[in-house]
C-alpha atoms as a PDB file:
ATOM      1  CA  MET A   1       0.025  -0.452   0.090  1.00  0.00           C
ATOM      2  CA  SER A   2       1.120   3.197  -0.835  1.00  0.00           C
ATOM      3  CA  ALA A   3       2.082   6.450   1.821  1.00  0.00           C
ATOM      4  CA  ALA A   4      -0.850   8.281  -0.884  1.00  0.00           C
ATOM      5  CA  THR A   5      -3.142   5.203  -0.589  1.00  0.00           C
ATOM      6  CA  ALA A   6      -2.800   4.906   2.845  1.00  0.00           C
ATOM      7  CA  SER A   7      -3.131   8.761   3.844  1.00  0.00           C
ATOM      8  CA  ALA A   8      -6.638   8.958   1.598  1.00  0.00           C
ATOM      9  CA  GLN A   9      -7.847   5.647   3.737  1.00  0.00           C
ATOM     10  CA  ASP A  10      -7.260   7.777   6.938  1.00  0.00           C
ATOM     11  CA  VAL A  11      -8.950  11.000   5.894  1.00  0.00           C
ATOM     12  CA  VAL A  12     -12.045   8.563   4.747  1.00  0.00           C
ATOM     13  CA  ALA A  13     -11.683   6.696   8.384  1.00  0.00           C
ATOM     14  CA  ARG A  14     -11.815  10.084   9.739  1.00  0.00           C
ATOM     15  CA  ALA A  15     -15.023  11.486   8.016  1.00  0.00           C
ATOM     16  CA  LEU A  16     -16.827   7.911   8.976  1.00  0.00           C
ATOM     17  CA  ALA A  17     -15.885   8.313  12.562  1.00  0.00           C
ATOM     18  CA  TYR A  18     -17.322  11.171  13.513  1.00  0.00           C
ATOM     19  CA  PRO A  19     -18.332  12.500  16.183  1.00  0.00           C
ATOM     20  CA  PHE A  20     -14.629  10.361  17.440  1.00  0.00           C
ATOM     21  CA  GLY A  21     -16.079   8.452  20.407  1.00  0.00           C
ATOM     22  CA  VAL A  22     -17.987  10.591  23.114  1.00  0.00           C
ATOM     23  CA  PRO A  23     -17.799   9.423  26.779  1.00  0.00           C
ATOM     24  CA  ALA A  24     -20.643   8.599  28.744  1.00  0.00           C
ATOM     25  CA  GLY A  25     -19.719  10.045  32.346  1.00  0.00           C
ATOM     26  CA  SER A  26     -17.129  13.144  32.968  1.00  0.00           C
ATOM     27  CA  TYR A  27     -13.957  13.856  32.860  1.00  0.00           C
ATOM     28  CA  VAL A  28     -10.973  15.899  33.061  1.00  0.00           C
ATOM     29  CA  LEU A  29      -8.745  16.259  29.643  1.00  0.00           C
ATOM     30  CA  ASP A  30      -5.036  16.851  30.879  1.00  0.00           C
ATOM     31  CA  GLY A  31      -1.778  17.208  28.904  1.00  0.00           C
ATOM     32  CA  GLY A  32      -4.304  15.850  25.758  1.00  0.00           C
ATOM     33  CA  GLU A  33      -5.193  12.522  28.088  1.00  0.00           C
ATOM     34  CA  ALA A  34      -8.103  12.179  29.733  1.00  0.00           C
ATOM     35  CA  GLY A  35      -8.280  11.390  33.640  1.00  0.00           C
ATOM     36  CA  PRO A  36     -11.133  11.239  36.400  1.00  0.00           C
ATOM     37  CA  LEU A  37     -12.560  14.270  37.114  1.00  0.00           C
ATOM     38  CA  THR A  38     -11.834  16.058  40.536  1.00  0.00           C
ATOM     39  CA  GLU A  39     -13.907  18.394  42.711  1.00  0.00           C
ATOM     40  CA  ALA A  40     -10.409  20.963  42.471  1.00  0.00           C
ATOM     41  CA  ASP A  41     -11.028  20.868  38.452  1.00  0.00           C
ATOM     42  CA  LEU A  42     -14.745  22.177  38.722  1.00  0.00           C
ATOM     43  CA  ALA A  43     -13.681  24.937  41.227  1.00  0.00           C
ATOM     44  CA  GLU A  44     -11.139  26.690  38.802  1.00  0.00           C
ATOM     45  CA  ALA A  45     -12.205  30.098  38.572  1.00  0.00           C
ATOM     46  CA  ASP A  46     -12.102  32.681  34.975  1.00  0.00           C
ATOM     47  CA  ARG A  47     -13.931  29.685  32.665  1.00  0.00           C
ATOM     48  CA  VAL A  48     -16.210  29.452  30.481  1.00  0.00           C
ATOM     49  CA  ALA A  49     -18.788  26.613  30.360  1.00  0.00           C
ATOM     50  CA  VAL A  50     -19.591  25.868  26.787  1.00  0.00           C
ATOM     51  CA  LEU A  51     -21.939  23.109  25.381  1.00  0.00           C
ATOM     52  CA  ALA A  52     -20.125  20.111  23.718  1.00  0.00           C
ATOM     53  CA  TYR A  53     -22.561  17.600  22.089  1.00  0.00           C
ATOM     54  CA  GLY A  54     -20.990  16.499  19.429  1.00  0.00           C
ATOM     55  CA  ALA A  55     -16.739  16.114  18.334  1.00  0.00           C
ATOM     56  CA  ASN A  56     -16.320  18.988  21.317  1.00  0.00           C
ATOM     57  CA  ALA A  57     -16.856  16.004  23.561  1.00  0.00           C
ATOM     58  CA  SER A  58     -14.221  13.544  22.219  1.00  0.00           C
ATOM     59  CA  PRO A  59     -11.065  13.583  24.884  1.00  0.00           C
ATOM     60  CA  GLY A  60      -8.995  12.523  20.740  1.00  0.00           C
ATOM     61  CA  ALA A  61     -11.099  15.025  19.114  1.00  0.00           C
ATOM     62  CA  LEU A  62     -10.709  18.269  22.025  1.00  0.00           C
ATOM     63  CA  ALA A  63      -7.417  17.725  22.444  1.00  0.00           C
ATOM     64  CA  ALA A  64      -6.426  17.209  18.977  1.00  0.00           C
ATOM     65  CA  LYS A  65      -8.556  21.421  19.269  1.00  0.00           C
ATOM     66  CA  LEU A  66      -6.505  22.580  22.025  1.00  0.00           C
ATOM     67  CA  GLY A  67      -2.867  21.036  22.000  1.00  0.00           C
ATOM     68  CA  ALA A  68      -0.980  19.224  24.069  1.00  0.00           C
ATOM     69  CA  GLN A  69       0.259  21.913  25.938  1.00  0.00           C
ATOM     70  CA  ALA A  70      -3.168  23.726  26.747  1.00  0.00           C
ATOM     71  CA  GLY A  71      -3.877  23.037  29.997  1.00  0.00           C
ATOM     72  CA  ARG A  72      -6.574  21.539  32.097  1.00  0.00           C
ATOM     73  CA  VAL A  73     -10.261  21.231  30.687  1.00  0.00           C
ATOM     74  CA  ALA A  74     -12.877  20.184  33.010  1.00  0.00           C
ATOM     75  CA  VAL A  75     -15.551  18.237  30.744  1.00  0.00           C
ATOM     76  CA  VAL A  76     -18.684  17.521  32.480  1.00  0.00           C
ATOM     77  CA  ALA A  77     -21.709  15.386  31.170  1.00  0.00           C
ATOM     78  CA  GLY A  78     -25.053  16.470  31.101  1.00  0.00           C
ATOM     79  CA  GLN A  79     -29.003  16.249  29.913  1.00  0.00           C
ATOM     80  CA  LEU A  80     -30.282  18.956  28.123  1.00  0.00           C
ATOM     81  CA  SER A  81     -33.515  18.630  27.644  1.00  0.00           C
ATOM     82  CA  ASP A  82     -35.733  20.044  24.563  1.00  0.00           C
ATOM     83  CA  PHE A  83     -32.980  19.713  22.271  1.00  0.00           C
ATOM     84  CA  ASP A  84     -32.045  17.429  19.785  1.00  0.00           C
ATOM     85  CA  VAL A  85     -28.649  16.880  18.467  1.00  0.00           C
ATOM     86  CA  VAL A  86     -28.869  16.720  14.827  1.00  0.00           C
ATOM     87  CA  TYR A  87     -26.470  17.080  11.332  1.00  0.00           C
ATOM     88  CA  SER A  88     -25.643  20.086   9.806  1.00  0.00           C
ATOM     89  CA  ALA A  89     -26.503  21.119   6.444  1.00  0.00           C
ATOM     90  CA  HIS A  90     -22.581  21.502   6.025  1.00  0.00           C
ATOM     91  CA  VAL A  91     -19.671  19.291   4.834  1.00  0.00           C
ATOM     92  CA  SER A  92     -16.618  19.677   7.351  1.00  0.00           C
ATOM     93  CA  PRO A  93     -13.133  20.450   6.255  1.00  0.00           C
ATOM     94  CA  TYR A  94     -12.200  16.721   7.278  1.00  0.00           C
ATOM     95  CA  GLY A  95     -15.228  15.563   5.107  1.00  0.00           C
ATOM     96  CA  ALA A  96     -17.528  14.609   7.703  1.00  0.00           C
ATOM     97  CA  ILE A  97     -20.961  16.024   7.949  1.00  0.00           C
ATOM     98  CA  PRO A  98     -20.918  17.156  12.075  1.00  0.00           C
ATOM     99  CA  GLY A  99     -23.515  18.071  14.087  1.00  0.00           C
ATOM    100  CA  THR A 100     -25.665  20.936  15.565  1.00  0.00           C
ATOM    101  CA  LEU A 101     -28.768  21.648  18.184  1.00  0.00           C
ATOM    102  CA  GLN A 102     -32.205  21.907  17.105  1.00  0.00           C
ATOM    103  CA  PRO A 103     -34.647  22.616  19.483  1.00  0.00           C
ATOM    104  CA  SER A 104     -36.803  18.994  19.710  1.00  0.00           C
ATOM    105  CA  PRO A 105     -39.879  19.387  23.075  1.00  0.00           C
ATOM    106  CA  GLY A 106     -39.426  16.657  25.161  1.00  0.00           C
ATOM    107  CA  ALA A 107     -36.148  15.517  23.530  1.00  0.00           C
ATOM    108  CA  VAL A 108     -32.942  14.833  26.506  1.00  0.00           C
ATOM    109  CA  ALA A 109     -29.902  15.126  24.814  1.00  0.00           C
ATOM    110  CA  SER A 110     -26.927  13.826  26.518  1.00  0.00           C
ATOM    111  CA  VAL A 111     -24.114  16.664  26.074  1.00  0.00           C
ATOM    112  CA  HIS A 112     -21.224  17.583  28.208  1.00  0.00           C
ATOM    113  CA  ALA A 113     -19.941  21.280  29.051  1.00  0.00           C
ATOM    114  CA  ILE A 114     -16.395  22.071  29.064  1.00  0.00           C
ATOM    115  CA  HIS A 115     -14.922  24.300  31.297  1.00  0.00           C
ATOM    116  CA  VAL A 116     -12.469  26.482  29.091  1.00  0.00           C
ATOM    117  CA  THR A 117      -9.812  29.780  29.738  1.00  0.00           C
ATOM    118  CA  ALA A 118     -10.080  32.552  27.630  1.00  0.00           C
ATOM    119  CA  GLU A 119      -7.401  31.012  25.806  1.00  0.00           C
ATOM    120  CA  GLN A 120      -8.177  27.660  25.184  1.00  0.00           C
ATOM    121  CA  LEU A 121     -12.011  29.310  23.955  1.00  0.00           C
ATOM    122  CA  ALA A 122      -9.673  31.297  21.621  1.00  0.00           C
ATOM    123  CA  ARG A 123      -8.366  28.099  20.055  1.00  0.00           C
ATOM    124  CA  LEU A 124     -11.868  26.621  19.541  1.00  0.00           C
ATOM    125  CA  HIS A 125     -13.306  29.642  18.193  1.00  0.00           C
ATOM    126  CA  ARG A 126     -10.232  29.032  15.329  1.00  0.00           C
ATOM    127  CA  SER A 127     -11.392  25.240  15.082  1.00  0.00           C
ATOM    128  CA  GLU A 128     -14.994  25.953  14.450  1.00  0.00           C
ATOM    129  CA  PRO A 129     -15.533  28.070  10.867  1.00  0.00           C
ATOM    130  CA  ASN A 130     -18.649  26.654  10.064  1.00  0.00           C
ATOM    131  CA  TYR A 131     -20.303  27.657  13.727  1.00  0.00           C
ATOM    132  CA  THR A 132     -21.955  30.279  15.314  1.00  0.00           C
ATOM    133  CA  PHE A 133     -20.903  30.933  19.034  1.00  0.00           C
ATOM    134  CA  GLY A 134     -23.569  32.879  21.735  1.00  0.00           C
ATOM    135  CA  LEU A 135     -25.237  32.107  24.838  1.00  0.00           C
ATOM    136  CA  LEU A 136     -28.401  29.654  24.655  1.00  0.00           C
ATOM    137  CA  ARG A 137     -30.616  31.014  27.434  1.00  0.00           C
ATOM    138  CA  GLY A 138     -33.982  29.463  29.019  1.00  0.00           C
ATOM    139  CA  VAL A 139     -32.534  25.886  28.868  1.00  0.00           C
ATOM    140  CA  ASP A 140     -33.275  23.197  31.198  1.00  0.00           C
ATOM    141  CA  LEU A 141     -29.062  21.827  31.912  1.00  0.00           C
ATOM    142  CA  ARG A 142     -28.758  18.868  34.376  1.00  0.00           C
ATOM    143  CA  LEU A 143     -25.487  18.051  34.957  1.00  0.00           C
ATOM    144  CA  GLU A 144     -23.586  15.242  36.369  1.00  0.00           C
ATOM    145  CA  GLY A 145     -22.888  15.500  40.576  1.00  0.00           C
ATOM    146  CA  GLY A 146     -25.817  17.817  40.885  1.00  0.00           C
ATOM    147  CA  GLY A 147     -25.598  20.603  38.793  1.00  0.00           C
ATOM    148  CA  ARG A 148     -27.777  22.540  36.626  1.00  0.00           C
ATOM    149  CA  ALA A 149     -27.479  25.653  34.513  1.00  0.00           C
ATOM    150  CA  ASP A 150     -30.756  27.339  32.702  1.00  0.00           C
ATOM    151  CA  ALA A 151     -27.343  29.238  30.190  1.00  0.00           C
ATOM    152  CA  ILE A 152     -25.086  28.000  28.717  1.00  0.00           C
ATOM    153  CA  HIS A 153     -22.780  28.821  25.701  1.00  0.00           C
ATOM    154  CA  ALA A 154     -22.975  26.892  22.629  1.00  0.00           C
ATOM    155  CA  TYR A 155     -21.765  26.810  18.492  1.00  0.00           C
ATOM    156  CA  VAL A 156     -24.660  26.460  16.656  1.00  0.00           C
ATOM    157  CA  SER A 157     -24.017  25.373  12.724  1.00  0.00           C
ATOM    158  CA  ARG A 158     -24.235  28.641  10.755  1.00  0.00           C
ATOM    159  CA  HIS A 159     -26.086  26.527   7.803  1.00  0.00           C
ATOM    160  CA  GLY A 160     -29.398  25.036   9.541  1.00  0.00           C
ATOM    161  CA  CYS A 161     -29.838  21.235  10.307  1.00  0.00           C
ATOM    162  CA  LEU A 162     -29.832  18.858   7.217  1.00  0.00           C
ATOM    163  CA  VAL A 163     -33.083  18.087   6.086  1.00  0.00           C
ATOM    164  CA  ARG A 164     -34.247  14.358   4.667  1.00  0.00           C
ATOM    165  CA  ASP A 165     -37.905  13.299   3.945  1.00  0.00           C
ATOM    166  CA  GLY A 166     -38.761  16.545   5.320  1.00  0.00           C
ATOM    167  CA  ALA A 167     -37.201  16.092   8.971  1.00  0.00           C
ATOM    168  CA  PRO A 168     -34.073  16.971  10.804  1.00  0.00           C
ATOM    169  CA  VAL A 169     -31.823  13.532  11.280  1.00  0.00           C
ATOM    170  CA  GLY A 170     -30.383  12.511  14.426  1.00  0.00           C
ATOM    171  CA  VAL A 171     -26.611  12.240  15.063  1.00  0.00           C
ATOM    172  CA  ALA A 172     -27.530   8.193  16.087  1.00  0.00           C
ATOM    173  CA  ALA A 173     -23.288   7.820  18.004  1.00  0.00           C
ATOM    174  CA  ILE A 174     -25.503  10.587  20.188  1.00  0.00           C
ATOM    175  CA  PRO A 175     -28.017   9.181  22.850  1.00  0.00           C
ATOM    176  CA  VAL A 176     -31.343  11.051  23.121  1.00  0.00           C
ATOM    177  CA  ARG A 177     -34.247   9.643  24.899  1.00  0.00           C
ATOM    178  CA  ARG A 178     -37.583  10.431  23.414  1.00  0.00           C
ATOM    179  CA  ARG A 179     -35.934  11.521  19.852  1.00  0.00           C
ATOM    180  CA  ALA A 180     -39.016  12.653  17.979  1.00  0.00           C
ATOM    181  CA  TRP A 181     -36.972  11.970  14.528  1.00  0.00           C
ATOM    182  CA  PRO A 182     -34.880   9.695  12.522  1.00  0.00           C
ATOM    183  CA  ALA A 183     -31.228   8.910  13.371  1.00  0.00           C
ATOM    184  CA  ARG A 184     -28.316   7.741  11.119  1.00  0.00           C
ATOM    185  CA  ASP A 185     -24.732   7.231  11.534  1.00  0.00           C
ATOM    186  CA  GLU A 186     -22.399   9.006   9.338  1.00  0.00           C
ATOM    187  CA  GLU A 187     -21.807   6.785   6.996  1.00  0.00           C
ATOM    188  CA  ALA A 188     -25.402   6.759   6.149  1.00  0.00           C
ATOM    189  CA  VAL A 189     -25.261  10.129   6.504  1.00  0.00           C
ATOM    190  CA  LEU A 190     -22.604  10.780   3.457  1.00  0.00           C
ATOM    191  CA  CYS A 191     -24.082   7.860   1.357  1.00  0.00           C
ATOM    192  CA  ALA A 192     -27.348   9.976   1.306  1.00  0.00           C
ATOM    193  CA  ALA A 193     -25.079  13.346   0.575  1.00  0.00           C
ATOM    194  CA  ARG A 194     -23.825  11.739  -2.173  1.00  0.00           C
ATOM    195  CA  ASP A 195     -26.164  10.045  -3.702  1.00  0.00           C
ATOM    196  CA  ASP A 196     -28.265  13.620  -4.394  1.00  0.00           C
ATOM    197  CA  LEU A 197     -24.976  15.117  -4.719  1.00  0.00           C
ATOM    198  CA  ASP A 198     -22.620  12.913  -6.612  1.00  0.00           C
ATOM    199  CA  PRO A 199     -25.189   9.958  -7.509  1.00  0.00           C
ATOM    200  CA  GLY A 200     -22.639   6.706  -8.438  1.00  0.00           C
ATOM    201  CA  THR A 201     -19.502   7.697  -7.208  1.00  0.00           C
ATOM    202  CA  ASP A 202     -17.546   5.608  -4.515  1.00  0.00           C
ATOM    203  CA  LEU A 203     -18.453   7.264  -0.727  1.00  0.00           C
ATOM    204  CA  ALA A 204     -14.712   7.190  -0.291  1.00  0.00           C
ATOM    205  CA  ASP A 205     -13.802   9.333  -3.084  1.00  0.00           C
ATOM    206  CA  PHE A 206     -16.823  11.685  -2.644  1.00  0.00           C
ATOM    207  CA  VAL A 207     -14.923  12.147   1.090  1.00  0.00           C
ATOM    208  CA  LEU A 208     -11.742  12.871  -0.633  1.00  0.00           C
ATOM    209  CA  ALA A 209     -12.936  15.083  -3.437  1.00  0.00           C
ATOM    210  CA  HIS A 210     -14.235  17.863  -0.603  1.00  0.00           C
ATOM    211  CA  VAL A 211     -11.541  17.404   1.470  1.00  0.00           C
ATOM    212  CA  ALA A 212      -9.165  18.365  -1.173  1.00  0.00           C
ATOM    213  CA  ASP A 213     -10.876  21.275  -2.888  1.00  0.00           C
ATOM    214  CA  PRO A 214     -13.096  23.766  -0.629  1.00  0.00           C
ATOM    215  CA  GLU A 215     -13.952  25.042  -3.382  1.00  0.00           C
ATOM    216  CA  LEU A 216     -16.388  21.929  -4.295  1.00  0.00           C
ATOM    217  CA  ALA A 217     -16.798  21.375  -0.334  1.00  0.00           C
ATOM    218  CA  ALA A 218     -18.865  25.090  -0.432  1.00  0.00           C
ATOM    219  CA  ARG A 219     -20.917  24.266  -3.429  1.00  0.00           C
ATOM    220  CA  ARG A 220     -21.804  20.789  -1.713  1.00  0.00           C
ATOM    221  CA  THR A 221     -22.553  22.855   1.554  1.00  0.00           C
ATOM    222  CA  ALA A 222     -24.462  25.394  -0.364  1.00  0.00           C
ATOM    223  CA  ALA A 223     -26.621  22.449  -1.919  1.00  0.00           C
ATOM    224  CA  LEU A 224     -27.035  21.284   1.645  1.00  0.00           C
ATOM    225  CA  ARG A 225     -28.338  24.484   3.011  1.00  0.00           C
ATOM    226  CA  ALA A 226     -31.240  24.983   0.355  1.00  0.00           C
ATOM    227  CA  THR A 227     -33.415  23.000   1.923  1.00  0.00           C
ATOM    228  CA  ALA A 228     -32.479  23.121   5.842  1.00  0.00           C
ATOM    229  CA  ILE A 229     -33.684  24.535   8.965  1.00  0.00           C
ATOM    230  CA  PRO A 230     -32.516  27.117  10.116  1.00  0.00           C
ATOM    231  CA  PHE A 231     -32.222  26.881  14.405  1.00  0.00           C
ATOM    232  CA  ALA A 232     -35.159  27.863  15.586  1.00  0.00           C
ATOM    233  CA  TRP A 233     -34.568  29.247  20.078  1.00  0.00           C
ATOM    234  CA  PRO A 234     -35.648  32.072  20.923  1.00  0.00           C
ATOM    235  CA  HIS A 235     -33.721  32.397  23.447  1.00  0.00           C
ATOM    236  CA  TRP A 236     -29.958  32.355  21.358  1.00  0.00           C
ATOM    237  CA  GLU A 237     -27.855  35.343  22.040  1.00  0.00           C
ATOM    238  CA  PRO A 238     -25.046  35.086  19.185  1.00  0.00           C
ATOM    239  CA  ALA A 239     -21.737  36.424  20.428  1.00  0.00           C
END
């Protein structure tokens, strides 16, 4: 196997791996490694709590975004009422169709709250070109250990949520109780996009094409966005 072939396989495998293994419980990220969360980690001052519902809750993905020297990050598991984690109407720079939030009365999504410094937050901002950062107010977020919040910062897709058969599509890898919409894994949602945008193309070739060509990625995102449902939470305050 050539180096180029191996690299291409790695790109496709990464896209299909979204959201990269999100733990069910809380943890602390330190030096790029996940470990047990302590009360001292939660007591650190000058931190911003940011909702994580996809790759930002994955130890591997979060470590890659922040860097091994970025310091400790408390990541607290929780349950967010009246929201689902669904696919966004865009293709990411690494090839996947990633997630976003969408209000869904009665649903309860498994999420995390990451507690970051200003420097860590700036690094996260640079990793989220397809998302708007802001404050979600009027929510019911219940955190592991008994904490509760009615407001939290979050990233929400600029493109709205992907629509298939007239409805949003849940990210199957993220547990959501009382989910109202069908859920698919990453491979299935990429295959559906491929069938719409470039039918007959091998899935690996479809992914590699928009990873290699940002202009093609932008055109594919525009096509997905044309039928997207905008984020519709009335208490959303973009930064």
